[in-house]
C-alpha atoms as a PDB file:
ATOM      1  CA  MET A   1      85.309 107.570 139.408  1.00  0.00           C
ATOM      2  CA  LEU A   2      87.375 105.225 137.444  1.00  0.00           C
ATOM      3  CA  ASN A   3      86.795 103.627 133.959  1.00  0.00           C
ATOM      4  CA  PRO A   4      85.259 100.100 134.426  1.00  0.00           C
ATOM      5  CA  LEU A   5      87.180  99.349 131.188  1.00  0.00           C
ATOM      6  CA  HIS A   6      90.132  99.782 133.085  1.00  0.00           C
ATOM      7  CA  LEU A   7      89.442  97.411 135.877  1.00  0.00           C
ATOM      8  CA  LYS A   8      88.571  94.902 133.970  1.00  0.00           C
ATOM      9  CA  LYS A   9      91.572  94.872 131.659  1.00  0.00           C
ATOM     10  CA  SER A  10      93.830  95.129 134.594  1.00  0.00           C
ATOM     11  CA  LEU A  11      92.248  91.780 136.629  1.00  0.00           C
ATOM     12  CA  GLY A  12      93.966  89.226 133.911  1.00  0.00           C
ATOM     13  CA  LEU A  13      92.829  85.747 133.490  1.00  0.00           C
ATOM     14  CA  ILE A  14      90.133  85.226 135.656  1.00  0.00           C
ATOM     15  CA  ARG A  15      87.049  82.968 135.707  1.00  0.00           C
ATOM     16  CA  GLY A  16      83.346  83.593 136.972  1.00  0.00           C
ATOM     17  CA  LYS A  17      81.441  86.724 137.722  1.00  0.00           C
ATOM     18  CA  ASN A  18      79.121  87.636 140.475  1.00  0.00           C
ATOM     19  CA  ASP A  19      78.808  90.383 142.592  1.00  0.00           C
ATOM     20  CA  LYS A  20      80.494  89.085 145.441  1.00  0.00           C
ATOM     21  CA  ILE A  21      83.619  88.551 143.773  1.00  0.00           C
ATOM     22  CA  ASP A  22      83.160  91.695 141.602  1.00  0.00           C
ATOM     23  CA  ALA A  23      83.548  93.568 145.133  1.00  0.00           C
ATOM     24  CA  ARG A  24      86.374  91.738 146.203  1.00  0.00           C
ATOM     25  CA  ARG A  25      88.093  92.071 142.803  1.00  0.00           C
ATOM     26  CA  ILE A  26      87.683  95.946 143.156  1.00  0.00           C
ATOM     27  CA  CYS A  27      88.933  96.100 146.862  1.00  0.00           C
ATOM     28  CA  ASP A  28      91.755  94.388 145.586  1.00  0.00           C
ATOM     29  CA  PHE A  29      92.230  97.105 142.393  1.00  0.00           C
ATOM     30  CA  THR A  30      92.180  99.661 144.912  1.00  0.00           C
ATOM     31  CA  ASP A  31      94.591  98.410 147.537  1.00  0.00           C
ATOM     32  CA  LYS A  32      97.199  97.233 144.764  1.00  0.00           C
ATOM     33  CA  ASN A  33      96.738 100.865 143.147  1.00  0.00           C
ATOM     34  CA  GLU A  34      95.941 103.189 145.724  1.00  0.00           C
ATOM     35  CA  GLN A  35      98.917 105.606 145.092  1.00  0.00           C
ATOM     36  CA  ASP A  36      98.063 106.366 141.011  1.00  0.00           C
ATOM     37  CA  LEU A  37      94.664 106.873 141.651  1.00  0.00           C
ATOM     38  CA  ILE A  38      93.602 110.157 140.990  1.00  0.00           C
ATOM     39  CA  LEU A  39      91.171 112.029 143.462  1.00  0.00           C
ATOM     40  CA  TRP A  40      88.095 112.688 142.117  1.00  0.00           C
ATOM     41  CA  LYS A  41      86.555 116.412 142.019  1.00  0.00           C
ATOM     42  CA  PRO A  42      83.052 117.681 141.065  1.00  0.00           C
ATOM     43  CA  CYS A  43      82.933 119.966 138.183  1.00  0.00           C
ATOM     44  CA  SER A  44      81.271 123.263 138.416  1.00  0.00           C
ATOM     45  CA  GLU A  45      77.177 123.754 138.271  1.00  0.00           C
ATOM     46  CA  THR A  46      77.969 125.426 135.053  1.00  0.00           C
ATOM     47  CA  ILE A  47      79.693 122.270 133.873  1.00  0.00           C
ATOM     48  CA  LYS A  48      76.983 120.037 134.500  1.00  0.00           C
ATOM     49  CA  LYS A  49      74.403 121.800 132.936  1.00  0.00           C
ATOM     50  CA  ILE A  50      76.657 122.484 129.832  1.00  0.00           C
ATOM     51  CA  LYS A  51      77.111 119.034 129.546  1.00  0.00           C
ATOM     52  CA  VAL A  52      73.139 117.663 130.386  1.00  0.00           C
ATOM     53  CA  LEU A  53      72.014 120.101 127.339  1.00  0.00           C
ATOM     54  CA  PHE A  54      74.492 118.987 125.234  1.00  0.00           C
ATOM     55  CA  SER A  55      73.600 115.575 125.945  1.00  0.00           C
ATOM     56  CA  GLU A  56      69.916 116.670 125.037  1.00  0.00           C
ATOM     57  CA  ARG A  57      71.077 118.353 122.001  1.00  0.00           C
ATOM     58  CA  ASN A  58      72.775 115.403 120.938  1.00  0.00           C
ATOM     59  CA  SER A  59      69.951 113.345 121.244  1.00  0.00           C
ATOM     60  CA  LYS A  60      68.021 115.776 119.495  1.00  0.00           C
ATOM     61  CA  ILE A  61      69.865 115.715 116.438  1.00  0.00           C
ATOM     62  CA  LYS A  62      69.944 111.991 116.090  1.00  0.00           C
ATOM     63  CA  LEU A  63      66.202 112.126 116.238  1.00  0.00           C
ATOM     64  CA  LYS A  64      66.072 114.297 113.298  1.00  0.00           C
ATOM     65  CA  SER A  65      68.764 112.852 111.251  1.00  0.00           C
ATOM     66  CA  SER A  66      66.503 109.441 111.397  1.00  0.00           C
ATOM     67  CA  LEU A  67      63.353 111.847 110.627  1.00  0.00           C
ATOM     68  CA  LEU A  68      65.202 113.044 107.429  1.00  0.00           C
ATOM     69  CA  LYS A  69      66.151 109.249 106.394  1.00  0.00           C
ATOM     70  CA  GLN A  70      62.468 108.172 106.668  1.00  0.00           C
ATOM     71  CA  ARG A  71      61.660 110.668 104.025  1.00  0.00           C
ATOM     72  CA  VAL A  72      63.806 108.880 101.147  1.00  0.00           C
ATOM     73  CA  LEU A  73      61.317 105.601 102.340  1.00  0.00           C
ATOM     74  CA  TYR A  74      58.034 107.549 101.662  1.00  0.00           C
ATOM     75  CA  SER A  75      59.075 107.609  97.985  1.00  0.00           C
ATOM     76  CA  GLN A  76      57.984 103.977  97.812  1.00  0.00           C
ATOM     77  CA  LEU A  77      54.695 104.490  99.317  1.00  0.00           C
ATOM     78  CA  GLU A  78      53.585 106.827  96.258  1.00  0.00           C
ATOM     79  CA  GLU A  79      51.279 104.648  94.984  1.00  0.00           C
ATOM     80  CA  MET A  80      49.321 104.691  97.994  1.00  0.00           C
ATOM     81  CA  ASN A  81      48.377 107.825  98.052  1.00  0.00           C
ATOM     82  CA  ILE A  82      49.663 108.292 101.734  1.00  0.00           C
ATOM     83  CA  ASP A  83      53.120 109.609 100.972  1.00  0.00           C
ATOM     84  CA  SER A  84      52.070 113.084 101.022  1.00  0.00           C
ATOM     85  CA  LYS A  85      50.303 113.305 104.300  1.00  0.00           C
ATOM     86  CA  LEU A  86      53.485 111.176 106.213  1.00  0.00           C
ATOM     87  CA  ILE A  87      56.201 113.539 104.280  1.00  0.00           C
ATOM     88  CA  LYS A  88      54.019 116.752 105.781  1.00  0.00           C
ATOM     89  CA  MET A  89      53.995 115.158 109.248  1.00  0.00           C
ATOM     90  CA  ASN A  90      57.613 114.539 109.262  1.00  0.00           C
ATOM     91  CA  LYS A  91      58.426 117.811 107.984  1.00  0.00           C
ATOM     92  CA  LYS A  92      55.885 119.391 111.365  1.00  0.00           C
ATOM     93  CA  GLU A  93      58.612 116.885 113.514  1.00  0.00           C
ATOM     94  CA  VAL A  94      61.635 118.043 112.254  1.00  0.00           C
ATOM     95  CA  LYS A  95      60.498 121.569 112.058  1.00  0.00           C
ATOM     96  CA  LEU A  96      59.703 121.191 116.118  1.00  0.00           C
ATOM     97  CA  LEU A  97      63.346 119.259 116.640  1.00  0.00           C
ATOM     98  CA  GLU A  98      64.996 122.113 115.082  1.00  0.00           C
ATOM     99  CA  ASP A  99      63.157 124.407 117.564  1.00  0.00           C
ATOM    100  CA  HIS A 100      64.261 122.439 120.130  1.00  0.00           C
ATOM    101  CA  ILE A 101      68.005 122.433 119.304  1.00  0.00           C
ATOM    102  CA  ALA A 102      68.129 126.190 118.622  1.00  0.00           C
ATOM    103  CA  PHE A 103      66.848 126.404 122.259  1.00  0.00           C
ATOM    104  CA  LEU A 104      69.539 124.270 123.477  1.00  0.00           C
ATOM    105  CA  GLU A 105      72.162 125.795 121.762  1.00  0.00           C
ATOM    106  CA  ALA A 106      71.207 129.177 123.155  1.00  0.00           C
ATOM    107  CA  GLU A 107      70.921 127.885 126.758  1.00  0.00           C
ATOM    108  CA  ILE A 108      74.627 126.495 126.425  1.00  0.00           C
ATOM    109  CA  GLU A 109      75.981 129.748 124.809  1.00  0.00           C
ATOM    110  CA  LYS A 110      74.240 131.892 127.790  1.00  0.00           C
ATOM    111  CA  LEU A 111      75.752 129.123 130.336  1.00  0.00           C
ATOM    112  CA  ILE A 112      79.186 129.996 128.690  1.00  0.00           C
ATOM    113  CA  GLU A 113      78.980 133.894 128.889  1.00  0.00           C
ATOM    114  CA  SER A 114      77.955 133.492 132.058  1.00  0.00           C
ATOM    115  CA  ASP A 115      81.317 132.402 133.236  1.00  0.00           C
ATOM    116  CA  GLU A 116      84.034 134.713 132.043  1.00  0.00           C
ATOM    117  CA  ASP A 117      86.629 132.389 132.563  1.00  0.00           C
ATOM    118  CA  LEU A 118      84.627 129.914 129.884  1.00  0.00           C
ATOM    119  CA  SER A 119      83.661 132.972 127.824  1.00  0.00           C
ATOM    120  CA  CYS A 120      86.808 133.962 126.988  1.00  0.00           C
ATOM    121  CA  LYS A 121      88.612 130.662 126.468  1.00  0.00           C
ATOM    122  CA  LYS A 122      85.347 129.724 123.815  1.00  0.00           C
ATOM    123  CA  LYS A 123      86.197 132.745 122.025  1.00  0.00           C
ATOM    124  CA  ASN A 124      90.117 132.207 121.979  1.00  0.00           C
ATOM    125  CA  ILE A 125      89.177 128.498 120.696  1.00  0.00           C
ATOM    126  CA  GLN A 126      86.907 129.349 118.417  1.00  0.00           C
ATOM    127  CA  SER A 127      89.239 131.604 116.172  1.00  0.00           C
ATOM    128  CA  ILE A 128      91.415 128.625 115.039  1.00  0.00           C
ATOM    129  CA  PRO A 129      90.336 128.024 111.269  1.00  0.00           C
ATOM    130  CA  GLY A 130      87.855 125.199 111.129  1.00  0.00           C
ATOM    131  CA  VAL A 131      86.639 125.286 114.687  1.00  0.00           C
ATOM    132  CA  GLY A 132      83.468 126.390 115.418  1.00  0.00           C
ATOM    133  CA  LYS A 133      81.101 126.612 118.419  1.00  0.00           C
ATOM    134  CA  VAL A 134      80.130 122.831 118.832  1.00  0.00           C
ATOM    135  CA  VAL A 135      83.755 122.201 118.845  1.00  0.00           C
ATOM    136  CA  SER A 136      84.415 124.943 121.738  1.00  0.00           C
ATOM    137  CA  TRP A 137      81.345 123.580 123.545  1.00  0.00           C
ATOM    138  CA  ILE A 138      82.444 119.969 123.216  1.00  0.00           C
ATOM    139  CA  ILE A 139      85.909 120.625 124.308  1.00  0.00           C
ATOM    140  CA  ILE A 140      85.287 123.076 127.278  1.00  0.00           C
ATOM    141  CA  ALA A 141      82.654 119.978 128.592  1.00  0.00           C
ATOM    142  CA  LYS A 142      84.924 117.329 128.195  1.00  0.00           C
ATOM    143  CA  THR A 143      87.709 118.812 129.789  1.00  0.00           C
ATOM    144  CA  GLU A 144      85.313 120.321 132.206  1.00  0.00           C
ATOM    145  CA  GLY A 145      86.594 124.134 131.635  1.00  0.00           C
ATOM    146  CA  PHE A 146      90.398 122.374 131.067  1.00  0.00           C
ATOM    147  CA  THR A 147      90.495 121.219 134.571  1.00  0.00           C
ATOM    148  CA  LYS A 148      90.122 117.475 134.290  1.00  0.00           C
ATOM    149  CA  ILE A 149      92.228 116.974 130.952  1.00  0.00           C
ATOM    150  CA  ASP A 150      94.827 119.952 130.995  1.00  0.00           C
ATOM    151  CA  ASN A 151      97.111 118.504 128.784  1.00  0.00           C
ATOM    152  CA  PRO A 152      97.044 118.284 124.707  1.00  0.00           C
ATOM    153  CA  ARG A 153      98.561 115.052 124.448  1.00  0.00           C
ATOM    154  CA  LYS A 154      95.802 113.187 127.088  1.00  0.00           C
ATOM    155  CA  MET A 155      93.684 114.615 125.212  1.00  0.00           C
ATOM    156  CA  ALA A 156      94.422 113.228 121.439  1.00  0.00           C
ATOM    157  CA  CYS A 157      95.005 110.285 123.075  1.00  0.00           C
ATOM    158  CA  TYR A 158      91.422 110.194 124.750  1.00  0.00           C
ATOM    159  CA  ALA A 159      89.921 111.051 121.064  1.00  0.00           C
ATOM    160  CA  GLY A 160      91.687 108.480 119.554  1.00  0.00           C
ATOM    161  CA  VAL A 161      93.452 110.648 117.190  1.00  0.00           C
ATOM    162  CA  VAL A 162      97.175 109.507 118.062  1.00  0.00           C
ATOM    163  CA  PRO A 163      98.619 106.375 116.223  1.00  0.00           C
ATOM    164  CA  PHE A 164     100.152 103.870 118.674  1.00  0.00           C
ATOM    165  CA  GLY A 165     102.672 100.906 117.497  1.00  0.00           C
ATOM    166  CA  TYR A 166     102.095  97.337 117.614  1.00  0.00           C
ATOM    167  CA  GLN A 167     105.508  95.396 117.409  1.00  0.00           C
ATOM    168  CA  SER A 168     107.420  92.379 118.697  1.00  0.00           C
ATOM    169  CA  GLY A 169     111.092  91.522 117.916  1.00  0.00           C
ATOM    170  CA  THR A 170     111.111  90.625 114.465  1.00  0.00           C
ATOM    171  CA  SER A 171     108.038  88.475 114.596  1.00  0.00           C
ATOM    172  CA  LEU A 172     105.311  91.267 114.907  1.00  0.00           C
ATOM    173  CA  LYS A 173     105.544  94.504 113.479  1.00  0.00           C
ATOM    174  CA  TYR A 174     102.568  96.723 111.965  1.00  0.00           C
ATOM    175  CA  LYS A 175     102.254 100.140 110.890  1.00  0.00           C
ATOM    176  CA  PRO A 176     101.091 102.523 114.018  1.00  0.00           C
ATOM    177  CA  LYS A 177      97.595 103.373 113.871  1.00  0.00           C
ATOM    178  CA  VAL A 178      94.589 104.813 116.087  1.00  0.00           C
ATOM    179  CA  SER A 179      93.035 102.933 119.296  1.00  0.00           C
ATOM    180  CA  TYR A 180      89.648 102.199 118.688  1.00  0.00           C
ATOM    181  CA  TYR A 181      89.464 102.913 122.598  1.00  0.00           C
ATOM    182  CA  ALA A 182      88.221 106.893 122.142  1.00  0.00           C
ATOM    183  CA  ASP A 183      85.353 109.216 122.377  1.00  0.00           C
ATOM    184  CA  LYS A 184      83.466 108.814 119.223  1.00  0.00           C
ATOM    185  CA  SER A 185      81.132 111.776 119.617  1.00  0.00           C
ATOM    186  CA  LEU A 186      84.364 113.553 120.090  1.00  0.00           C
ATOM    187  CA  LYS A 187      86.109 112.234 117.528  1.00  0.00           C
ATOM    188  CA  SER A 188      83.746 112.711 114.799  1.00  0.00           C
ATOM    189  CA  ILE A 189      83.031 116.349 115.536  1.00  0.00           C
ATOM    190  CA  LEU A 190      86.955 116.648 115.429  1.00  0.00           C
ATOM    191  CA  HIS A 191      86.847 115.019 112.124  1.00  0.00           C
ATOM    192  CA  MET A 192      84.171 117.975 110.833  1.00  0.00           C
ATOM    193  CA  ALA A 193      86.509 120.463 112.225  1.00  0.00           C
ATOM    194  CA  ALA A 194      89.675 118.939 110.020  1.00  0.00           C
ATOM    195  CA  MET A 195      87.366 118.423 107.127  1.00  0.00           C
ATOM    196  CA  ARG A 196      86.645 122.433 106.858  1.00  0.00           C
ATOM    197  CA  ALA A 197      90.213 123.774 108.290  1.00  0.00           C
ATOM    198  CA  VAL A 198      91.714 122.297 105.043  1.00  0.00           C
ATOM    199  CA  ARG A 199      89.134 123.612 102.928  1.00  0.00           C
ATOM    200  CA  LEU A 200      89.613 127.279 104.526  1.00  0.00           C
ATOM    201  CA  GLU A 201      93.139 129.522 103.232  1.00  0.00           C
ATOM    202  CA  ASN A 202      95.208 128.522 106.589  1.00  0.00           C
ATOM    203  CA  ASP A 203      98.606 127.124 107.133  1.00  0.00           C
ATOM    204  CA  LEU A 204      96.532 123.368 108.048  1.00  0.00           C
ATOM    205  CA  LYS A 205      96.025 123.366 104.472  1.00  0.00           C
ATOM    206  CA  GLU A 206      98.824 124.327 103.184  1.00  0.00           C
ATOM    207  CA  TYR A 207     100.242 121.218 105.463  1.00  0.00           C
ATOM    208  CA  TYR A 208      97.202 119.284 104.134  1.00  0.00           C
ATOM    209  CA  GLU A 209      98.414 119.840 100.385  1.00  0.00           C
ATOM    210  CA  ARG A 210     101.730 119.379 101.241  1.00  0.00           C
ATOM    211  CA  LYS A 211     101.759 116.243 102.380  1.00  0.00           C
ATOM    212  CA  ILE A 212      99.503 114.879  99.668  1.00  0.00           C
ATOM    213  CA  LYS A 213     101.871 115.993  97.120  1.00  0.00           C
ATOM    214  CA  GLU A 214     104.460 113.668  99.737  1.00  0.00           C
ATOM    215  CA  GLY A 215     102.445 111.136  98.809  1.00  0.00           C
ATOM    216  CA  LYS A 216     100.810 110.758 102.241  1.00  0.00           C
ATOM    217  CA  ASN A 217      97.512 108.721 102.869  1.00  0.00           C
ATOM    218  CA  LYS A 218      94.552 111.378 103.307  1.00  0.00           C
ATOM    219  CA  MET A 219      93.095 109.778 106.494  1.00  0.00           C
ATOM    220  CA  ALA A 220      96.394 109.500 108.030  1.00  0.00           C
ATOM    221  CA  ILE A 221      97.185 113.559 107.170  1.00  0.00           C
ATOM    222  CA  LEU A 222      93.165 114.730 108.169  1.00  0.00           C
ATOM    223  CA  ASN A 223      94.302 112.693 111.630  1.00  0.00           C
ATOM    224  CA  ALA A 224      97.261 114.918 111.961  1.00  0.00           C
ATOM    225  CA  VAL A 225      95.305 117.872 111.631  1.00  0.00           C
ATOM    226  CA  ARG A 226      92.806 116.685 113.791  1.00  0.00           C
ATOM    227  CA  ASN A 227      96.378 116.292 116.296  1.00  0.00           C
ATOM    228  CA  LYS A 228      97.422 119.666 115.557  1.00  0.00           C
ATOM    229  CA  ILE A 229      93.583 121.259 116.438  1.00  0.00           C
ATOM    230  CA  ILE A 230      93.988 119.706 119.766  1.00  0.00           C
ATOM    231  CA  HIS A 231      97.331 121.022 120.501  1.00  0.00           C
ATOM    232  CA  ARG A 232      96.483 124.543 119.525  1.00  0.00           C
ATOM    233  CA  ILE A 233      93.059 124.703 121.376  1.00  0.00           C
ATOM    234  CA  PHE A 234      94.952 123.873 124.497  1.00  0.00           C
ATOM    235  CA  ALA A 235      97.902 126.278 123.612  1.00  0.00           C
ATOM    236  CA  LEU A 236      95.355 129.201 123.266  1.00  0.00           C
ATOM    237  CA  ALA A 237      93.201 127.854 126.455  1.00  0.00           C
ATOM    238  CA  LYS A 238      96.440 128.424 128.751  1.00  0.00           C
ATOM    239  CA  ASN A 239      97.949 131.527 127.148  1.00  0.00           C
ATOM    240  CA  GLY A 240      94.546 133.367 127.276  1.00  0.00           C
ATOM    241  CA  LYS A 241      95.366 134.417 123.242  1.00  0.00           C
ATOM    242  CA  SER A 242      93.601 134.409 120.123  1.00  0.00           C
ATOM    243  CA  TYR A 243      94.914 132.632 116.956  1.00  0.00           C
ATOM    244  CA  GLU A 244      97.482 134.038 114.964  1.00  0.00           C
ATOM    245  CA  LYS A 245      98.609 132.224 111.592  1.00  0.00           C
ATOM    246  CA  ASN A 246     102.375 133.875 111.955  1.00  0.00           C
ATOM    247  CA  TYR A 247     102.799 133.599 115.480  1.00  0.00           C
ATOM    248  CA  ILE A 248     106.437 133.919 116.429  1.00  0.00           C
ATOM    249  CA  ASN A 249     107.285 132.736 120.333  1.00  0.00           C
ATOM    250  CA  SER A 250     109.294 135.748 121.893  1.00  0.00           C
ATOM    251  CA  LEU A 251     111.093 132.463 123.728  1.00  0.00           C
ATOM    252  CA  ASN A 252     112.554 131.424 120.418  1.00  0.00           C
ATOM    253  CA  MET A 253     113.829 134.631 119.266  1.00  0.00           C
END
């Protein structure tokens, strides 16, 4: 199980493409990189079901968002005297989608609660300021219960919240910036969590306000908050503890 983009970028300067050539290139890649390849392991049935339900939930939310946007256009049909009928039909469709979304979310909760380990980790994750049920669900699904991705730095890189430098000698030197190779859905949800966290009374808000006073860019600060949230999620999942604002590490005493 390999990211196709990884294989494509590793081929270098190539010309031509067909199934026979692709097969040869895949074989050559596996021969050269066999020692670096990670052995694939199937995820549990619970994780599989959570992924399917969460994916279905996302598709329903997109449909709902599309329907809500259509209501703005209905105001332009007022002269035709059909806007009220369309709005009524639109509301029924939105209500039906909301019922479906509620059902899917309830099923996801049941699956997580049925697994003692996942249930404990979800509870601990949600104790972090700004982190709600959706963030805990997507983290559990993407990491496959913290087995597929067990390192916060890897997760931060996967989510696209780690800035990378771009320089060469003295001719090329740009400010570090995040890569566009990222899971956009995860990044978006983490952004909402960061926005919520800096509005609540907690140390992340204090950090955000302190950096604002120092003249830092707001988006750069929010990106740092997203990174901090990821590291806290993995720390709590590993230690099996709930979040404590003024936690003192016994190893530092």
